[in-house]
Amino acid sequence: GILGNAIITEELSRVDMGIGLNIVSASFGSEAIYLYGNEEQKKNYLPPLASGEKVSAGAFTEPDAGTDVAGYRTKAVKDGDDFVINGSKMFITNGSVCDFMVAQCITNPDAPRRHDRFSQIIVPADAKGVTRTKIHGKMGIRSSDTGEIAFDDVRVPRTNLVGEEGAGFKQLMHFFDVTRVMVAGQAVGLSQGCLEKSIQYVKERKVFGAPLGSFQLTQAKLAEMAIKIEALRGLVYRSAWLIDVGRPDYTLAAMAKFLGGQTAVFCANMAVELHGGYGYIDEYDVQKFYRDAKILEIYEGTKEAEIMTIGRVIQSL
């Protein structure tokens, strides 16, 4: 369930968010097949992911469109029994290592409603015309693969369509509604790791003849970290549990994602400050937590997008 996945994500991210992301995202994108695919697609693609034999990717974000999902431009044109796909994707988790991907494409460019133009299509990574390039130089989560994908007259059978044609936007929005909770789970884990490393350090570090942790200002910083973490954990667990019991509150999930990014960045910053100069070098783990934290305010919906989502719902109550 979602709660179980959130807890697993949290525990792994307490040590290394990139490794945690690798493990929980090995099936990234295949959620669409699980929820909307036909039985043949489920049989062919899901068991190899569950057994660890294969890795998938969700080819969604594009160079000029991330949060603006309706702005995606990759097209899939029908040609007989095939789709011919042209376009490019950017910042794709597992992009250069996946065995197949679920790609968001325009299949109905003339649809009256903009959101009805999109469909999701399974694309084998080794299909002719697919070019994948690993992205180097990331500030954080470096152990997680991120790639750029180009489609140049990529031909796949029309049977690779996932769900109904024209339902891709709705399918993707549901995907993000759920994965926000997973990202918030990463934030809980990273923040907890920052707190634990900081507690350990301030007990050992001596300043002015006393442990750093004995000073009230140090305790105040640790206390504020702990308060934010517990508040976030409760929000994440509740939003995950509600999805599992069939009463999802996706506004709550957006709140968890928003608070998660803020909490992780705050705790990582506090951890570096408490470590002083040592927090700035790679001998101590907190510098890595600091680099990893920022992405939690960006991917799976920026903090600005989350706050707008929450605001629209609140004002309509």
Protein backbone atom coordinates (compact mmCIF):
# COMPACT_ATOMS: atom_id res chain seq x y z
CA GLY A 1 0.00 0.00 0.00
CA ILE A 2 0.87 3.67 -0.16
CA LEU A 3 1.51 3.93 3.59
CA GLY A 4 3.89 0.96 3.47
CA ASN A 5 5.75 2.50 0.56
CA ALA A 6 5.95 5.86 2.33
CA ILE A 7 7.49 4.23 5.40
CA ILE A 8 10.00 2.26 3.30
CA THR A 9 10.90 5.47 1.46
CA GLU A 10 11.33 7.29 4.75
CA GLU A 11 13.62 4.65 6.23
CA LEU A 12 15.88 4.44 3.18
CA SER A 13 16.07 8.21 2.85
CA ARG A 14 17.31 8.54 6.44
CA VAL A 15 20.63 7.28 5.08
CA ASP A 16 20.72 8.07 1.34
CA MET A 17 17.81 9.63 -0.50
CA GLY A 18 19.28 8.75 -3.89
CA ILE A 19 19.49 5.05 -3.06
CA GLY A 20 16.02 5.23 -1.55
CA LEU A 21 14.73 6.79 -4.74
CA ASN A 22 16.38 4.04 -6.81
CA ILE A 23 14.62 1.30 -4.88
CA VAL A 24 11.12 2.77 -4.67
CA SER A 25 11.26 4.14 -8.24
CA ALA A 26 12.50 1.02 -10.02
CA SER A 27 8.95 0.68 -11.33
CA PHE A 28 8.49 4.41 -11.99
CA GLY A 29 5.83 4.99 -14.64
CA SER A 30 4.46 1.45 -14.53
CA GLU A 31 1.73 2.59 -12.14
CA ALA A 32 -0.22 3.55 -15.26
CA ILE A 33 -0.04 -0.03 -16.52
CA TYR A 34 -1.14 -1.35 -13.13
CA LEU A 35 -4.11 1.02 -12.92
CA TYR A 36 -5.19 1.38 -16.55
CA GLY A 37 -3.44 -1.26 -18.65
CA ASN A 38 -5.10 -4.32 -20.12
CA GLU A 39 -4.42 -7.81 -18.80
CA GLU A 40 -1.84 -8.61 -21.48
CA GLN A 41 0.13 -5.45 -20.67
CA LYS A 42 0.03 -6.21 -16.96
CA LYS A 43 1.22 -9.77 -17.55
CA ASN A 44 4.07 -8.72 -19.85
CA TYR A 45 5.43 -5.70 -17.99
CA LEU A 46 4.67 -5.89 -14.28
CA PRO A 47 6.13 -9.26 -13.12
CA PRO A 48 9.67 -8.47 -14.39
CA LEU A 49 9.56 -5.20 -12.42
CA ALA A 50 8.37 -6.91 -9.26
CA SER A 51 11.12 -9.54 -9.52
CA GLY A 52 13.82 -6.93 -10.11
CA GLU A 53 14.66 -8.16 -13.60
CA LYS A 54 13.67 -4.91 -15.28
CA VAL A 55 13.41 -1.20 -14.55
CA SER A 56 10.82 1.21 -15.94
CA ALA A 57 10.57 4.97 -16.37
CA GLY A 58 7.86 7.57 -16.69
CA ALA A 59 8.75 9.74 -19.70
CA PHE A 60 6.73 12.81 -18.80
CA THR A 61 8.68 16.06 -18.25
CA GLU A 62 9.93 17.90 -21.34
CA PRO A 63 12.69 20.50 -21.84
CA ASP A 64 10.14 23.33 -21.99
CA ALA A 65 7.34 21.88 -19.87
CA GLY A 66 7.50 20.38 -16.40
CA THR A 67 4.75 21.53 -14.06
CA ASP A 68 2.76 22.66 -17.12
CA VAL A 69 1.74 19.14 -18.10
CA ALA A 70 -0.72 20.40 -20.71
CA GLY A 71 2.24 22.07 -22.42
CA TYR A 72 3.93 18.79 -23.42
CA ARG A 73 4.67 18.63 -27.16
CA THR A 74 5.80 15.05 -27.88
CA LYS A 75 3.47 13.64 -30.54
CA ALA A 76 2.37 10.13 -31.43
CA VAL A 77 0.82 9.94 -34.89
CA LYS A 78 -1.20 6.91 -35.99
CA ASP A 79 0.21 5.06 -38.99
CA GLY A 80 -1.64 1.84 -39.71
CA ASP A 81 -1.34 -0.41 -36.67
CA ASP A 82 1.45 1.72 -35.16
CA PHE A 83 2.12 4.99 -33.42
CA VAL A 84 5.06 7.03 -34.71
CA ILE A 85 6.48 9.14 -31.89
CA ASN A 86 8.56 12.32 -32.17
CA GLY A 87 9.67 14.61 -29.37
CA SER A 88 11.93 14.78 -26.34
CA LYS A 89 11.77 14.28 -22.60
CA MET A 90 13.96 15.76 -19.87
CA PHE A 91 14.92 14.97 -16.26
CA ILE A 92 13.56 11.42 -16.51
CA THR A 93 14.24 9.22 -13.47
CA ASN A 94 15.80 5.92 -14.69
CA GLY A 95 15.94 7.53 -18.14
CA SER A 96 19.25 6.02 -19.26
CA VAL A 97 18.92 2.67 -17.47
CA CYS A 98 15.27 1.67 -17.96
CA ASP A 99 14.11 -1.28 -20.07
CA PHE A 100 10.90 0.46 -21.11
CA MET A 101 9.04 3.68 -20.41
CA VAL A 102 5.50 4.98 -20.32
CA ALA A 103 5.54 8.14 -22.43
CA GLN A 104 3.06 10.99 -22.31
CA CYS A 105 2.22 11.95 -25.91
CA ILE A 106 -0.22 14.05 -27.89
CA THR A 107 -2.41 11.64 -29.87
CA ASN A 108 -5.44 13.88 -30.47
CA PRO A 109 -4.09 17.34 -31.38
CA ASP A 110 -7.50 18.53 -32.59
CA ALA A 111 -9.43 17.56 -29.47
CA PRO A 112 -11.79 20.39 -28.42
CA ARG A 113 -10.50 20.29 -24.87
CA ARG A 114 -6.76 20.76 -24.40
CA HIS A 115 -6.55 18.08 -21.72
CA ASP A 116 -8.11 15.46 -24.00
CA ARG A 117 -5.18 15.56 -26.43
CA PHE A 118 -2.90 13.25 -24.44
CA SER A 119 -2.40 9.50 -24.17
CA GLN A 120 0.14 7.27 -22.45
CA ILE A 121 2.10 4.79 -24.56
CA ILE A 122 4.58 2.04 -23.64
CA VAL A 123 7.89 2.50 -25.47
CA PRO A 124 10.69 -0.11 -25.29
CA ALA A 125 13.99 1.57 -24.45
CA ASP A 126 15.74 -0.26 -27.28
CA ALA A 127 13.20 0.75 -29.93
CA LYS A 128 14.73 2.19 -33.09
CA GLY A 129 14.88 5.98 -32.90
CA VAL A 130 15.11 6.20 -29.11
CA THR A 131 18.20 8.08 -27.89
CA ARG A 132 18.97 8.28 -24.18
CA THR A 133 21.57 10.52 -22.57
CA LYS A 134 22.54 10.41 -18.90
CA ILE A 135 22.46 13.80 -17.18
CA HIS A 136 25.65 14.55 -15.24
CA GLY A 137 26.49 17.27 -12.76
CA LYS A 138 23.42 17.08 -10.55
CA MET A 139 23.67 18.89 -7.23
CA GLY A 140 22.16 15.99 -5.33
CA ILE A 141 20.57 12.50 -5.54
CA ARG A 142 23.49 11.55 -7.77
CA SER A 143 23.08 7.81 -7.20
CA SER A 144 19.66 8.03 -8.90
CA ASP A 145 19.83 7.95 -12.68
CA THR A 146 18.38 10.95 -14.50
CA GLY A 147 18.31 11.10 -18.29
CA GLU A 148 17.22 12.96 -21.38
CA ILE A 149 15.26 10.96 -23.96
CA ALA A 150 14.73 11.80 -27.63
CA PHE A 151 12.17 10.13 -29.91
CA ASP A 152 12.94 10.28 -33.63
CA ASP A 153 10.25 8.50 -35.68
CA VAL A 154 9.94 5.82 -33.01
CA ARG A 155 7.45 3.22 -34.12
CA VAL A 156 5.50 1.17 -31.57
CA PRO A 157 2.30 -0.88 -32.01
CA ARG A 158 -0.98 0.81 -31.16
CA THR A 159 -1.59 -2.03 -28.71
CA ASN A 160 1.01 -0.26 -26.49
CA LEU A 161 -1.58 2.39 -25.65
CA VAL A 162 -2.19 2.41 -21.89
CA GLY A 163 -5.83 2.95 -20.95
CA GLU A 164 -8.15 4.95 -23.15
CA GLU A 165 -6.91 7.21 -25.90
CA GLY A 166 -7.23 10.82 -24.79
CA ALA A 167 -7.21 9.93 -21.08
CA GLY A 168 -3.48 10.46 -20.59
CA PHE A 169 -3.76 13.80 -18.82
CA LYS A 170 -6.23 12.47 -16.26
CA GLN A 171 -4.10 9.35 -15.75
CA LEU A 172 -0.96 11.40 -15.18
CA MET A 173 -2.66 13.76 -12.73
CA HIS A 174 -3.77 10.80 -10.64
CA PHE A 175 -0.21 9.47 -10.73
CA PHE A 176 1.15 12.75 -9.36
CA ASP A 177 -1.58 12.90 -6.71
CA VAL A 178 -0.21 9.65 -5.27
CA THR A 179 3.53 10.12 -5.84
CA ARG A 180 3.46 13.41 -3.95
CA VAL A 181 3.06 11.31 -0.82
CA MET A 182 6.16 9.28 -1.74
CA VAL A 183 8.20 12.46 -2.18
CA ALA A 184 6.95 13.72 1.18
CA GLY A 185 8.08 10.38 2.64
CA GLN A 186 11.55 11.04 1.28
CA ALA A 187 11.47 14.41 3.02
CA VAL A 188 10.57 12.82 6.36
CA GLY A 189 13.49 10.41 6.07
CA LEU A 190 16.04 12.98 4.99
CA SER A 191 14.93 15.36 7.74
CA GLN A 192 15.13 12.61 10.34
CA GLY A 193 18.62 11.74 9.16
CA CYS A 194 19.66 15.38 9.54
CA LEU A 195 18.32 15.44 13.09
CA GLU A 196 20.01 12.20 14.09
CA LYS A 197 23.38 13.23 12.66
CA SER A 198 23.09 16.59 14.39
CA ILE A 199 22.27 15.08 17.78
CA GLN A 200 25.22 12.75 17.49
CA TYR A 201 27.57 15.59 16.56
CA VAL A 202 26.50 18.10 19.24
CA LYS A 203 26.97 15.46 21.93
CA GLU A 204 30.56 14.86 20.82
CA ARG A 205 31.62 18.41 19.90
CA LYS A 206 33.08 20.42 22.80
CA VAL A 207 33.03 24.23 22.78
CA PHE A 208 33.97 26.54 25.63
CA GLY A 209 34.60 23.47 27.75
CA ALA A 210 31.13 21.93 27.35
CA PRO A 211 29.29 19.78 24.80
CA LEU A 212 27.73 21.87 22.02
CA GLY A 213 24.41 20.22 22.79
CA SER A 214 24.34 21.70 26.29
CA PHE A 215 23.74 25.23 24.98
CA GLN A 216 20.15 26.45 24.77
CA LEU A 217 20.51 27.83 21.25
CA THR A 218 21.65 24.42 20.03
CA GLN A 219 18.74 22.73 21.80
CA ALA A 220 16.33 25.25 20.28
CA LYS A 221 17.52 24.36 16.78
CA LEU A 222 17.19 20.63 17.46
CA ALA A 223 13.74 21.14 18.98
CA GLU A 224 12.48 23.07 15.97
CA MET A 225 13.77 20.36 13.64
CA ALA A 226 12.03 17.67 15.71
CA ILE A 227 8.72 19.57 15.79
CA LYS A 228 8.67 20.08 12.01
CA ILE A 229 9.57 16.42 11.38
CA GLU A 230 6.80 15.08 13.61
CA ALA A 231 4.24 17.40 12.04
CA LEU A 232 5.32 16.29 8.57
CA ARG A 233 5.34 12.60 9.49
CA GLY A 234 1.76 12.80 10.75
CA LEU A 235 0.64 14.55 7.57
CA VAL A 236 2.40 12.01 5.33
CA TYR A 237 1.07 8.97 7.19
CA ARG A 238 -2.48 10.30 7.23
CA SER A 239 -2.56 11.22 3.54
CA ALA A 240 -1.06 7.82 2.63
CA TRP A 241 -3.48 5.93 4.87
CA LEU A 242 -6.49 7.74 3.39
CA ILE A 243 -5.45 6.61 -0.11
CA ASP A 244 -5.09 3.03 1.11
CA VAL A 245 -8.56 2.92 2.67
CA GLY A 246 -10.24 4.38 -0.40
CA ARG A 247 -10.86 7.90 0.96
CA PRO A 248 -8.05 9.85 -0.74
CA ASP A 249 -7.58 13.51 0.07
CA TYR A 250 -5.23 14.75 -2.61
CA THR A 251 -5.22 18.26 -1.16
CA LEU A 252 -3.73 16.71 1.97
CA ALA A 253 -1.17 14.96 -0.24
CA ALA A 254 -0.26 18.33 -1.81
CA MET A 255 0.12 19.78 1.69
CA ALA A 256 2.45 16.91 2.62
CA LYS A 257 4.55 17.51 -0.49
CA PHE A 258 4.74 21.27 0.15
CA LEU A 259 5.59 20.91 3.82
CA GLY A 260 8.00 18.08 3.03
CA GLY A 261 10.20 20.20 0.79
CA GLN A 262 10.25 23.07 3.24
CA THR A 263 11.02 20.81 6.20
CA ALA A 264 13.82 18.97 4.43
CA VAL A 265 15.53 22.18 3.30
CA PHE A 266 15.15 23.66 6.79
CA CYS A 267 16.52 20.59 8.57
CA ALA A 268 19.41 20.18 6.15
CA ASN A 269 20.35 23.83 6.64
CA MET A 270 20.17 23.50 10.43
CA ALA A 271 22.31 20.34 10.30
CA VAL A 272 25.05 22.08 8.34
CA GLU A 273 24.96 25.06 10.70
CA LEU A 274 25.22 22.83 13.78
CA HIS A 275 28.22 21.05 12.25
CA GLY A 276 29.91 24.36 11.49
CA GLY A 277 32.83 24.10 9.06
CA TYR A 278 32.68 20.31 9.20
CA GLY A 279 29.16 20.45 7.76
CA TYR A 280 30.63 21.92 4.59
CA ILE A 281 32.98 19.05 3.77
CA ASP A 282 32.23 15.54 2.59
CA GLU A 283 33.73 13.91 5.68
CA TYR A 284 30.30 14.41 7.26
CA ASP A 285 27.00 13.26 5.77
CA VAL A 286 25.08 16.47 6.34
CA GLN A 287 26.58 18.19 3.30
CA LYS A 288 25.03 15.46 1.17
CA PHE A 289 21.67 15.84 2.90
CA TYR A 290 21.92 19.55 2.14
CA ARG A 291 22.52 18.93 -1.58
CA ASP A 292 19.79 16.30 -1.79
CA ALA A 293 17.12 18.31 0.03
CA LYS A 294 16.48 21.01 -2.57
CA ILE A 295 15.06 18.63 -5.18
CA LEU A 296 12.17 17.91 -2.80
CA GLU A 297 10.88 21.43 -3.48
CA ILE A 298 11.11 20.88 -7.23
CA TYR A 299 10.24 17.43 -8.60
CA GLU A 300 6.79 15.82 -8.68
CA GLY A 301 5.31 19.33 -8.60
CA THR A 302 7.13 22.47 -7.51
CA LYS A 303 6.30 24.04 -4.16
CA GLU A 304 4.63 26.88 -6.08
CA ALA A 305 2.38 24.40 -7.92
CA GLU A 306 1.46 22.67 -4.67
CA ILE A 307 0.53 25.91 -2.92
CA MET A 308 -1.64 26.95 -5.88
CA THR A 309 -3.38 23.57 -5.85
CA ILE A 310 -4.09 23.87 -2.14
CA GLY A 311 -5.26 27.48 -2.49
CA ARG A 312 -7.73 26.70 -5.30
CA VAL A 313 -9.36 23.99 -3.21
CA ILE A 314 -9.54 26.08 -0.04
CA GLN A 315 -11.11 29.10 -1.72
CA SER A 316 -13.78 26.88 -3.30
CA LEU A 317 -14.95 25.38 0.02
